[in-house]
Full PDB file with SEQRES, HELIX, SHEET, SSBOND, CRYST1, ORIGX, SCALE, CONECT and MASTER records, all heavy atoms in Angstrom:
SEQRES   1 A   35  TRP ASN ALA ARG LEU SER ASN PRO THR PRO ILE SER ASP          
SEQRES   2 A   35  SER LEU PHE ASP GLU ILE ALA THR HIS ALA ASN GLY SER          
SEQRES   3 A   35  SER GLU LEU ARG ARG ILE SER THR VAL                          
HELIX    1 AA1 ASN A    2  LEU A    5  1                                   4    
SHEET    1 AA1 2 SER A  14  THR A  21  0                                        
SHEET    2 AA1 2 SER A  27  THR A  34 -1                                        
CRYST1    1.000    1.000    1.000  90.00  90.00  90.00 P 1           1          
ORIGX1      1.000000  0.000000  0.000000        0.00000                         
ORIGX2      0.000000  1.000000  0.000000        0.00000                         
ORIGX3      0.000000  0.000000  1.000000        0.00000                         
SCALE1      1.000000  0.000000  0.000000        0.00000                         
SCALE2      0.000000  1.000000  0.000000        0.00000                         
SCALE3      0.000000  0.000000  1.000000        0.00000                         
ATOM      1  N   TRP A   1      32.289 -17.660 -53.939  1.00  0.00           N  
ATOM      2  CA  TRP A   1      33.065 -17.060 -55.016  1.00  0.00           C  
ATOM      3  C   TRP A   1      34.489 -16.770 -54.561  1.00  0.00           C  
ATOM      4  O   TRP A   1      35.444 -16.885 -55.344  1.00  0.00           O  
ATOM      5  CB  TRP A   1      32.383 -15.794 -55.525  1.00  0.00           C  
ATOM      6  CG  TRP A   1      31.265 -16.072 -56.480  1.00  0.00           C  
ATOM      7  CD1 TRP A   1      29.925 -15.983 -56.231  1.00  0.00           C  
ATOM      8  CD2 TRP A   1      31.379 -16.533 -57.821  1.00  0.00           C  
ATOM      9  NE1 TRP A   1      29.205 -16.357 -57.336  1.00  0.00           N  
ATOM     10  CE2 TRP A   1      30.073 -16.701 -58.323  1.00  0.00           C  
ATOM     11  CE3 TRP A   1      32.465 -16.837 -58.643  1.00  0.00           C  
ATOM     12  CZ2 TRP A   1      29.826 -17.139 -59.625  1.00  0.00           C  
ATOM     13  CZ3 TRP A   1      32.215 -17.273 -59.948  1.00  0.00           C  
ATOM     14  CH2 TRP A   1      30.914 -17.418 -60.413  1.00  0.00           C  
ATOM     15  N   ASN A   2      34.676 -16.396 -53.300  1.00  0.00           N  
ATOM     16  CA  ASN A   2      36.033 -16.207 -52.772  1.00  0.00           C  
ATOM     17  C   ASN A   2      36.827 -17.503 -52.862  1.00  0.00           C  
ATOM     18  O   ASN A   2      38.001 -17.511 -53.249  1.00  0.00           O  
ATOM     19  CB  ASN A   2      35.972 -15.742 -51.316  1.00  0.00           C  
ATOM     20  CG  ASN A   2      35.536 -14.302 -51.173  1.00  0.00           C  
ATOM     21  OD1 ASN A   2      35.543 -13.538 -52.135  1.00  0.00           O  
ATOM     22  ND2 ASN A   2      35.144 -13.913 -49.967  1.00  0.00           N  
ATOM     23  N   ALA A   3      36.197 -18.614 -52.489  1.00  0.00           N  
ATOM     24  CA  ALA A   3      36.884 -19.908 -52.519  1.00  0.00           C  
ATOM     25  C   ALA A   3      37.234 -20.316 -53.946  1.00  0.00           C  
ATOM     26  O   ALA A   3      38.272 -20.950 -54.181  1.00  0.00           O  
ATOM     27  CB  ALA A   3      35.998 -20.977 -51.868  1.00  0.00           C  
ATOM     28  N   ARG A   4      36.409 -19.931 -54.908  1.00  0.00           N  
ATOM     29  CA  ARG A   4      36.637 -20.323 -56.295  1.00  0.00           C  
ATOM     30  C   ARG A   4      37.726 -19.504 -56.971  1.00  0.00           C  
ATOM     31  O   ARG A   4      38.444 -20.008 -57.835  1.00  0.00           O  
ATOM     32  CB  ARG A   4      35.338 -20.172 -57.100  1.00  0.00           C  
ATOM     33  CG  ARG A   4      34.227 -21.121 -56.689  1.00  0.00           C  
ATOM     34  CD  ARG A   4      32.916 -20.721 -57.337  1.00  0.00           C  
ATOM     35  NE  ARG A   4      31.841 -21.641 -56.989  1.00  0.00           N  
ATOM     36  CZ  ARG A   4      30.569 -21.440 -57.294  1.00  0.00           C  
ATOM     37  NH1 ARG A   4      30.213 -20.339 -57.924  1.00  0.00           N  
ATOM     38  NH2 ARG A   4      29.653 -22.323 -56.956  1.00  0.00           N  
ATOM     39  N   LEU A   5      37.864 -18.242 -56.605  1.00  0.00           N  
ATOM     40  CA  LEU A   5      38.677 -17.331 -57.404  1.00  0.00           C  
ATOM     41  C   LEU A   5      39.896 -16.745 -56.709  1.00  0.00           C  
ATOM     42  O   LEU A   5      40.721 -16.126 -57.364  1.00  0.00           O  
ATOM     43  CB  LEU A   5      37.799 -16.173 -57.907  1.00  0.00           C  
ATOM     44  CG  LEU A   5      36.664 -16.550 -58.855  1.00  0.00           C  
ATOM     45  CD1 LEU A   5      35.867 -15.311 -59.236  1.00  0.00           C  
ATOM     46  CD2 LEU A   5      37.203 -17.228 -60.100  1.00  0.00           C  
ATOM     47  N   SER A   6      40.033 -16.911 -55.406  1.00  0.00           N  
ATOM     48  CA  SER A   6      41.135 -16.265 -54.693  1.00  0.00           C  
ATOM     49  C   SER A   6      42.437 -17.048 -54.869  1.00  0.00           C  
ATOM     50  O   SER A   6      42.922 -17.701 -53.948  1.00  0.00           O  
ATOM     51  CB  SER A   6      40.797 -16.124 -53.202  1.00  0.00           C  
ATOM     52  OG  SER A   6      39.664 -15.308 -53.029  1.00  0.00           O  
ATOM     53  N   ASN A   7      43.016 -16.971 -56.054  1.00  0.00           N  
ATOM     54  CA  ASN A   7      44.276 -17.672 -56.311  1.00  0.00           C  
ATOM     55  C   ASN A   7      45.374 -16.662 -56.614  1.00  0.00           C  
ATOM     56  O   ASN A   7      45.272 -15.910 -57.584  1.00  0.00           O  
ATOM     57  CB  ASN A   7      44.112 -18.642 -57.490  1.00  0.00           C  
ATOM     58  CG  ASN A   7      45.283 -19.614 -57.572  1.00  0.00           C  
ATOM     59  OD1 ASN A   7      46.422 -19.215 -57.726  1.00  0.00           O  
ATOM     60  ND2 ASN A   7      44.996 -20.899 -57.443  1.00  0.00           N  
ATOM     61  N   PRO A   8      46.442 -16.620 -55.814  1.00  0.00           N  
ATOM     62  CA  PRO A   8      47.478 -15.612 -56.003  1.00  0.00           C  
ATOM     63  C   PRO A   8      48.593 -16.034 -56.958  1.00  0.00           C  
ATOM     64  O   PRO A   8      49.479 -15.243 -57.260  1.00  0.00           O  
ATOM     65  CB  PRO A   8      48.041 -15.462 -54.582  1.00  0.00           C  
ATOM     66  CG  PRO A   8      47.937 -16.837 -54.015  1.00  0.00           C  
ATOM     67  CD  PRO A   8      46.664 -17.426 -54.598  1.00  0.00           C  
ATOM     68  N   THR A   9      48.577 -17.286 -57.448  1.00  0.00           N  
ATOM     69  CA  THR A   9      49.696 -17.815 -58.229  1.00  0.00           C  
ATOM     70  C   THR A   9      49.304 -17.965 -59.694  1.00  0.00           C  
ATOM     71  O   THR A   9      48.403 -18.739 -60.018  1.00  0.00           O  
ATOM     72  CB  THR A   9      50.130 -19.185 -57.684  1.00  0.00           C  
ATOM     73  OG1 THR A   9      50.381 -19.067 -56.281  1.00  0.00           O  
ATOM     74  CG2 THR A   9      51.385 -19.676 -58.382  1.00  0.00           C  
ATOM     75  N   PRO A  10      49.968 -17.252 -60.613  1.00  0.00           N  
ATOM     76  CA  PRO A  10      49.612 -17.368 -62.033  1.00  0.00           C  
ATOM     77  C   PRO A  10      49.819 -18.774 -62.583  1.00  0.00           C  
ATOM     78  O   PRO A  10      48.956 -19.307 -63.276  1.00  0.00           O  
ATOM     79  CB  PRO A  10      50.550 -16.362 -62.713  1.00  0.00           C  
ATOM     80  CG  PRO A  10      50.973 -15.423 -61.642  1.00  0.00           C  
ATOM     81  CD  PRO A  10      51.003 -16.227 -60.382  1.00  0.00           C  
ATOM     82  N   ILE A  11      50.968 -19.383 -62.285  1.00  0.00           N  
ATOM     83  CA  ILE A  11      51.282 -20.713 -62.802  1.00  0.00           C  
ATOM     84  C   ILE A  11      51.986 -21.519 -61.711  1.00  0.00           C  
ATOM     85  O   ILE A  11      52.895 -21.016 -61.039  1.00  0.00           O  
ATOM     86  CB  ILE A  11      52.190 -20.645 -64.044  1.00  0.00           C  
ATOM     87  CG1 ILE A  11      51.503 -19.883 -65.182  1.00  0.00           C  
ATOM     88  CG2 ILE A  11      52.563 -22.048 -64.524  1.00  0.00           C  
ATOM     89  CD1 ILE A  11      52.374 -19.675 -66.402  1.00  0.00           C  
ATOM     90  N   SER A  12      51.574 -22.750 -61.512  1.00  0.00           N  
ATOM     91  CA  SER A  12      52.260 -23.636 -60.577  1.00  0.00           C  
ATOM     92  C   SER A  12      52.403 -25.016 -61.208  1.00  0.00           C  
ATOM     93  O   SER A  12      51.541 -25.465 -61.955  1.00  0.00           O  
ATOM     94  CB  SER A  12      51.503 -23.738 -59.252  1.00  0.00           C  
ATOM     95  OG  SER A  12      50.226 -24.317 -59.443  1.00  0.00           O  
ATOM     96  N   ASP A  13      53.516 -25.667 -60.920  1.00  0.00           N  
ATOM     97  CA  ASP A  13      53.820 -27.008 -61.425  1.00  0.00           C  
ATOM     98  C   ASP A  13      54.188 -27.848 -60.213  1.00  0.00           C  
ATOM     99  O   ASP A  13      55.213 -27.598 -59.583  1.00  0.00           O  
ATOM    100  CB  ASP A  13      54.964 -26.933 -62.431  1.00  0.00           C  
ATOM    101  CG  ASP A  13      55.235 -28.264 -63.119  1.00  0.00           C  
ATOM    102  OD1 ASP A  13      54.647 -29.273 -62.695  1.00  0.00           O  
ATOM    103  OD2 ASP A  13      56.057 -28.294 -64.063  1.00  0.00           O  
ATOM    104  N   SER A  14      53.349 -28.811 -59.854  1.00  0.00           N  
ATOM    105  CA  SER A  14      53.512 -29.498 -58.576  1.00  0.00           C  
ATOM    106  C   SER A  14      53.438 -31.011 -58.721  1.00  0.00           C  
ATOM    107  O   SER A  14      52.830 -31.535 -59.652  1.00  0.00           O  
ATOM    108  CB  SER A  14      52.421 -29.046 -57.588  1.00  0.00           C  
ATOM    109  OG  SER A  14      52.347 -27.644 -57.503  1.00  0.00           O  
ATOM    110  N   LEU A  15      54.083 -31.687 -57.774  1.00  0.00           N  
ATOM    111  CA  LEU A  15      53.967 -33.134 -57.626  1.00  0.00           C  
ATOM    112  C   LEU A  15      53.333 -33.423 -56.278  1.00  0.00           C  
ATOM    113  O   LEU A  15      53.755 -32.869 -55.258  1.00  0.00           O  
ATOM    114  CB  LEU A  15      55.334 -33.816 -57.703  1.00  0.00           C  
ATOM    115  CG  LEU A  15      55.931 -34.101 -59.077  1.00  0.00           C  
ATOM    116  CD1 LEU A  15      57.323 -34.697 -58.920  1.00  0.00           C  
ATOM    117  CD2 LEU A  15      55.051 -35.049 -59.881  1.00  0.00           C  
ATOM    118  N   PHE A  16      52.309 -34.273 -56.264  1.00  0.00           N  
ATOM    119  CA  PHE A  16      51.637 -34.644 -55.033  1.00  0.00           C  
ATOM    120  C   PHE A  16      51.745 -36.149 -54.833  1.00  0.00           C  
ATOM    121  O   PHE A  16      51.489 -36.922 -55.753  1.00  0.00           O  
ATOM    122  CB  PHE A  16      50.157 -34.253 -55.071  1.00  0.00           C  
ATOM    123  CG  PHE A  16      49.918 -32.776 -55.167  1.00  0.00           C  
ATOM    124  CD1 PHE A  16      49.755 -32.161 -56.398  1.00  0.00           C  
ATOM    125  CD2 PHE A  16      49.871 -31.993 -54.022  1.00  0.00           C  
ATOM    126  CE1 PHE A  16      49.530 -30.796 -56.492  1.00  0.00           C  
ATOM    127  CE2 PHE A  16      49.646 -30.634 -54.099  1.00  0.00           C  
ATOM    128  CZ  PHE A  16      49.479 -30.029 -55.336  1.00  0.00           C  
ATOM    129  N   ASP A  17      52.137 -36.552 -53.631  1.00  0.00           N  
ATOM    130  CA  ASP A  17      52.199 -37.970 -53.287  1.00  0.00           C  
ATOM    131  C   ASP A  17      51.087 -38.300 -52.311  1.00  0.00           C  
ATOM    132  O   ASP A  17      50.897 -37.602 -51.309  1.00  0.00           O  
ATOM    133  CB  ASP A  17      53.546 -38.321 -52.652  1.00  0.00           C  
ATOM    134  CG  ASP A  17      54.671 -38.367 -53.670  1.00  0.00           C  
ATOM    135  OD1 ASP A  17      54.364 -38.445 -54.875  1.00  0.00           O  
ATOM    136  OD2 ASP A  17      55.841 -38.336 -53.267  1.00  0.00           O  
ATOM    137  N   GLU A  18      50.350 -39.351 -52.623  1.00  0.00           N  
ATOM    138  CA  GLU A  18      49.323 -39.868 -51.726  1.00  0.00           C  
ATOM    139  C   GLU A  18      49.681 -41.309 -51.388  1.00  0.00           C  
ATOM    140  O   GLU A  18      50.018 -42.086 -52.289  1.00  0.00           O  
ATOM    141  CB  GLU A  18      47.941 -39.826 -52.394  1.00  0.00           C  
ATOM    142  CG  GLU A  18      47.516 -38.440 -52.834  1.00  0.00           C  
ATOM    143  CD  GLU A  18      46.243 -38.467 -53.653  1.00  0.00           C  
ATOM    144  OE1 GLU A  18      45.805 -39.585 -54.014  1.00  0.00           O  
ATOM    145  OE2 GLU A  18      45.679 -37.399 -53.927  1.00  0.00           O  
ATOM    146  N   ILE A  19      49.645 -41.652 -50.126  1.00  0.00           N  
ATOM    147  CA  ILE A  19      49.963 -43.022 -49.708  1.00  0.00           C  
ATOM    148  C   ILE A  19      48.760 -43.605 -48.987  1.00  0.00           C  
ATOM    149  O   ILE A  19      48.341 -43.097 -47.936  1.00  0.00           O  
ATOM    150  CB  ILE A  19      51.202 -43.064 -48.794  1.00  0.00           C  
ATOM    151  CG1 ILE A  19      52.422 -42.499 -49.548  1.00  0.00           C  
ATOM    152  CG2 ILE A  19      51.473 -44.487 -48.331  1.00  0.00           C  
ATOM    153  CD1 ILE A  19      53.681 -42.433 -48.709  1.00  0.00           C  
ATOM    154  N   ALA A  20      48.212 -44.652 -49.564  1.00  0.00           N  
ATOM    155  CA  ALA A  20      47.087 -45.359 -48.941  1.00  0.00           C  
ATOM    156  C   ALA A  20      47.651 -46.487 -48.083  1.00  0.00           C  
ATOM    157  O   ALA A  20      48.379 -47.349 -48.579  1.00  0.00           O  
ATOM    158  CB  ALA A  20      46.160 -45.918 -50.005  1.00  0.00           C  
ATOM    159  N   THR A  21      47.341 -46.468 -46.804  1.00  0.00           N  
ATOM    160  CA  THR A  21      47.796 -47.507 -45.886  1.00  0.00           C  
ATOM    161  C   THR A  21      46.618 -48.415 -45.553  1.00  0.00           C  
ATOM    162  O   THR A  21      45.570 -47.950 -45.112  1.00  0.00           O  
ATOM    163  CB  THR A  21      48.357 -46.894 -44.588  1.00  0.00           C  
ATOM    164  OG1 THR A  21      49.427 -46.009 -44.919  1.00  0.00           O  
ATOM    165  CG2 THR A  21      48.868 -47.982 -43.667  1.00  0.00           C  
ATOM    166  N   HIS A  22      46.800 -49.714 -45.770  1.00  0.00           N  
ATOM    167  CA  HIS A  22      45.721 -50.676 -45.581  1.00  0.00           C  
ATOM    168  C   HIS A  22      45.792 -51.326 -44.200  1.00  0.00           C  
ATOM    169  O   HIS A  22      46.821 -51.264 -43.517  1.00  0.00           O  
ATOM    170  CB  HIS A  22      45.776 -51.730 -46.680  1.00  0.00           C  
ATOM    171  CG  HIS A  22      45.775 -51.146 -48.064  1.00  0.00           C  
ATOM    172  ND1 HIS A  22      44.676 -50.506 -48.592  1.00  0.00           N  
ATOM    173  CD2 HIS A  22      46.752 -51.083 -49.013  1.00  0.00           C  
ATOM    174  CE1 HIS A  22      44.964 -50.084 -49.815  1.00  0.00           C  
ATOM    175  NE2 HIS A  22      46.209 -50.417 -50.098  1.00  0.00           N  
ATOM    176  N   ALA A  23      44.709 -51.945 -43.810  1.00  0.00           N  
ATOM    177  CA  ALA A  23      44.613 -52.537 -42.475  1.00  0.00           C  
ATOM    178  C   ALA A  23      45.647 -53.631 -42.246  1.00  0.00           C  
ATOM    179  O   ALA A  23      46.058 -53.877 -41.104  1.00  0.00           O  
ATOM    180  CB  ALA A  23      43.205 -53.091 -42.262  1.00  0.00           C  
ATOM    181  N   ASN A  24      46.086 -54.300 -43.311  1.00  0.00           N  
ATOM    182  CA  ASN A  24      47.076 -55.383 -43.147  1.00  0.00           C  
ATOM    183  C   ASN A  24      48.510 -54.863 -43.070  1.00  0.00           C  
ATOM    184  O   ASN A  24      49.454 -55.655 -43.027  1.00  0.00           O  
ATOM    185  CB  ASN A  24      46.948 -56.391 -44.286  1.00  0.00           C  
ATOM    186  CG  ASN A  24      47.251 -55.786 -45.651  1.00  0.00           C  
ATOM    187  OD1 ASN A  24      47.629 -54.614 -45.758  1.00  0.00           O  
ATOM    188  ND2 ASN A  24      47.060 -56.583 -46.698  1.00  0.00           N  
ATOM    189  N   GLY A  25      48.663 -53.541 -43.102  1.00  0.00           N  
ATOM    190  CA  GLY A  25      49.999 -52.957 -42.973  1.00  0.00           C  
ATOM    191  C   GLY A  25      50.645 -52.587 -44.298  1.00  0.00           C  
ATOM    192  O   GLY A  25      51.661 -51.883 -44.311  1.00  0.00           O  
ATOM    193  N   SER A  26      50.101 -53.037 -45.405  1.00  0.00           N  
ATOM    194  CA  SER A  26      50.664 -52.692 -46.711  1.00  0.00           C  
ATOM    195  C   SER A  26      50.270 -51.267 -47.089  1.00  0.00           C  
ATOM    196  O   SER A  26      49.333 -50.691 -46.536  1.00  0.00           O  
ATOM    197  CB  SER A  26      50.177 -53.677 -47.778  1.00  0.00           C  
ATOM    198  OG  SER A  26      48.767 -53.564 -47.951  1.00  0.00           O  
ATOM    199  N   SER A  27      51.000 -50.703 -48.046  1.00  0.00           N  
ATOM    200  CA  SER A  27      50.717 -49.340 -48.480  1.00  0.00           C  
ATOM    201  C   SER A  27      50.931 -49.223 -49.978  1.00  0.00           C  
ATOM    202  O   SER A  27      51.628 -50.034 -50.592  1.00  0.00           O  
ATOM    203  CB  SER A  27      51.597 -48.330 -47.743  1.00  0.00           C  
ATOM    204  OG  SER A  27      52.963 -48.564 -48.022  1.00  0.00           O  
ATOM    205  N   GLU A  28      50.342 -48.190 -50.557  1.00  0.00           N  
ATOM    206  CA  GLU A  28      50.454 -47.968 -51.996  1.00  0.00           C  
ATOM    207  C   GLU A  28      50.611 -46.478 -52.264  1.00  0.00           C  
ATOM    208  O   GLU A  28      49.865 -45.659 -51.739  1.00  0.00           O  
ATOM    209  CB  GLU A  28      49.218 -48.500 -52.727  1.00  0.00           C  
ATOM    210  CG  GLU A  28      49.304 -48.364 -54.236  1.00  0.00           C  
ATOM    211  CD  GLU A  28      48.103 -48.970 -54.938  1.00  0.00           C  
ATOM    212  OE1 GLU A  28      47.122 -49.298 -54.229  1.00  0.00           O  
ATOM    213  OE2 GLU A  28      48.134 -49.111 -56.164  1.00  0.00           O  
ATOM    214  N   LEU A  29      51.640 -46.150 -53.080  1.00  0.00           N  
ATOM    215  CA  LEU A  29      51.922 -44.765 -53.429  1.00  0.00           C  
ATOM    216  C   LEU A  29      51.203 -44.377 -54.711  1.00  0.00           C  
ATOM    217  O   LEU A  29      51.197 -45.132 -55.689  1.00  0.00           O  
ATOM    218  CB  LEU A  29      53.430 -44.557 -53.618  1.00  0.00           C  
ATOM    219  CG  LEU A  29      53.858 -43.223 -54.242  1.00  0.00           C  
ATOM    220  CD1 LEU A  29      53.601 -42.075 -53.271  1.00  0.00           C  
ATOM    221  CD2 LEU A  29      55.333 -43.259 -54.648  1.00  0.00           C  
ATOM    222  N   ARG A  30      50.629 -43.204 -54.714  1.00  0.00           N  
ATOM    223  CA  ARG A  30      50.041 -42.626 -55.920  1.00  0.00           C  
ATOM    224  C   ARG A  30      50.637 -41.227 -56.080  1.00  0.00           C  
ATOM    225  O   ARG A  30      50.494 -40.386 -55.197  1.00  0.00           O  
ATOM    226  CB  ARG A  30      48.523 -42.565 -55.818  1.00  0.00           C  
ATOM    227  CG  ARG A  30      47.831 -42.018 -57.073  1.00  0.00           C  
ATOM    228  CD  ARG A  30      46.319 -42.023 -56.861  1.00  0.00           C  
ATOM    229  NE  ARG A  30      45.602 -41.439 -57.968  1.00  0.00           N  
ATOM    230  CZ  ARG A  30      45.207 -42.105 -59.055  1.00  0.00           C  
ATOM    231  NH1 ARG A  30      45.487 -43.393 -59.151  1.00  0.00           N  
ATOM    232  NH2 ARG A  30      44.541 -41.504 -60.026  1.00  0.00           N  
ATOM    233  N   ARG A  31      51.327 -40.991 -57.182  1.00  0.00           N  
ATOM    234  CA  ARG A  31      51.970 -39.694 -57.433  1.00  0.00           C  
ATOM    235  C   ARG A  31      51.260 -38.999 -58.592  1.00  0.00           C  
ATOM    236  O   ARG A  31      51.028 -39.597 -59.642  1.00  0.00           O  
ATOM    237  CB  ARG A  31      53.452 -39.874 -57.750  1.00  0.00           C  
ATOM    238  CG  ARG A  31      54.178 -38.594 -58.159  1.00  0.00           C  
ATOM    239  CD  ARG A  31      55.675 -38.775 -58.144  1.00  0.00           C  
ATOM    240  NE  ARG A  31      56.139 -38.950 -56.769  1.00  0.00           N  
ATOM    241  CZ  ARG A  31      57.407 -39.214 -56.462  1.00  0.00           C  
ATOM    242  NH1 ARG A  31      58.314 -39.381 -57.403  1.00  0.00           N  
ATOM    243  NH2 ARG A  31      57.771 -39.339 -55.195  1.00  0.00           N  
ATOM    244  N   ILE A  32      50.935 -37.735 -58.397  1.00  0.00           N  
ATOM    245  CA  ILE A  32      50.183 -36.969 -59.382  1.00  0.00           C  
ATOM    246  C   ILE A  32      50.933 -35.683 -59.721  1.00  0.00           C  
ATOM    247  O   ILE A  32      51.386 -34.960 -58.827  1.00  0.00           O  
ATOM    248  CB  ILE A  32      48.775 -36.630 -58.859  1.00  0.00           C  
ATOM    249  CG1 ILE A  32      47.971 -37.917 -58.629  1.00  0.00           C  
ATOM    250  CG2 ILE A  32      48.029 -35.728 -59.824  1.00  0.00           C  
ATOM    251  CD1 ILE A  32      46.630 -37.689 -57.987  1.00  0.00           C  
ATOM    252  N   SER A  33      51.076 -35.409 -61.010  1.00  0.00           N  
ATOM    253  CA  SER A  33      51.657 -34.157 -61.493  1.00  0.00           C  
ATOM    254  C   SER A  33      50.525 -33.206 -61.863  1.00  0.00           C  
ATOM    255  O   SER A  33      49.602 -33.578 -62.589  1.00  0.00           O  
ATOM    256  CB  SER A  33      52.550 -34.423 -62.708  1.00  0.00           C  
ATOM    257  OG  SER A  33      52.876 -33.203 -63.360  1.00  0.00           O  
ATOM    258  N   THR A  34      50.604 -31.970 -61.361  1.00  0.00           N  
ATOM    259  CA  THR A  34      49.557 -30.986 -61.622  1.00  0.00           C  
ATOM    260  C   THR A  34      50.170 -29.693 -62.135  1.00  0.00           C  
ATOM    261  O   THR A  34      51.077 -29.135 -61.511  1.00  0.00           O  
ATOM    262  CB  THR A  34      48.752 -30.686 -60.344  1.00  0.00           C  
ATOM    263  OG1 THR A  34      48.177 -31.889 -59.858  1.00  0.00           O  
ATOM    264  CG2 THR A  34      47.637 -29.695 -60.634  1.00  0.00           C  
ATOM    265  N   VAL A  35      49.706 -29.238 -63.279  1.00  0.00           N  
ATOM    266  CA  VAL A  35      50.081 -27.930 -63.819  1.00  0.00           C  
ATOM    267  C   VAL A  35      48.831 -27.051 -63.773  1.00  0.00           C  
ATOM    268  O   VAL A  35      47.792 -27.415 -64.325  1.00  0.00           O  
ATOM    269  CB  VAL A  35      50.612 -28.022 -65.258  1.00  0.00           C  
ATOM    270  CG1 VAL A  35      50.972 -26.623 -65.779  1.00  0.00           C  
ATOM    271  CG2 VAL A  35      51.825 -28.938 -65.322  1.00  0.00           C  
TER     272      VAL A  35                                                      
MASTER        0    0    0    1    2    0    0    6  271    1    0    3          
END                                                                             
């Protein structure tokens, strides 16, 4: 329950970038907006 509810921020607006790097050296960006 602590893990589920211990949030100190009323509202947050964020951008997250994830980059998948493949064995052949190529990569792919995934950007996510979270409110």
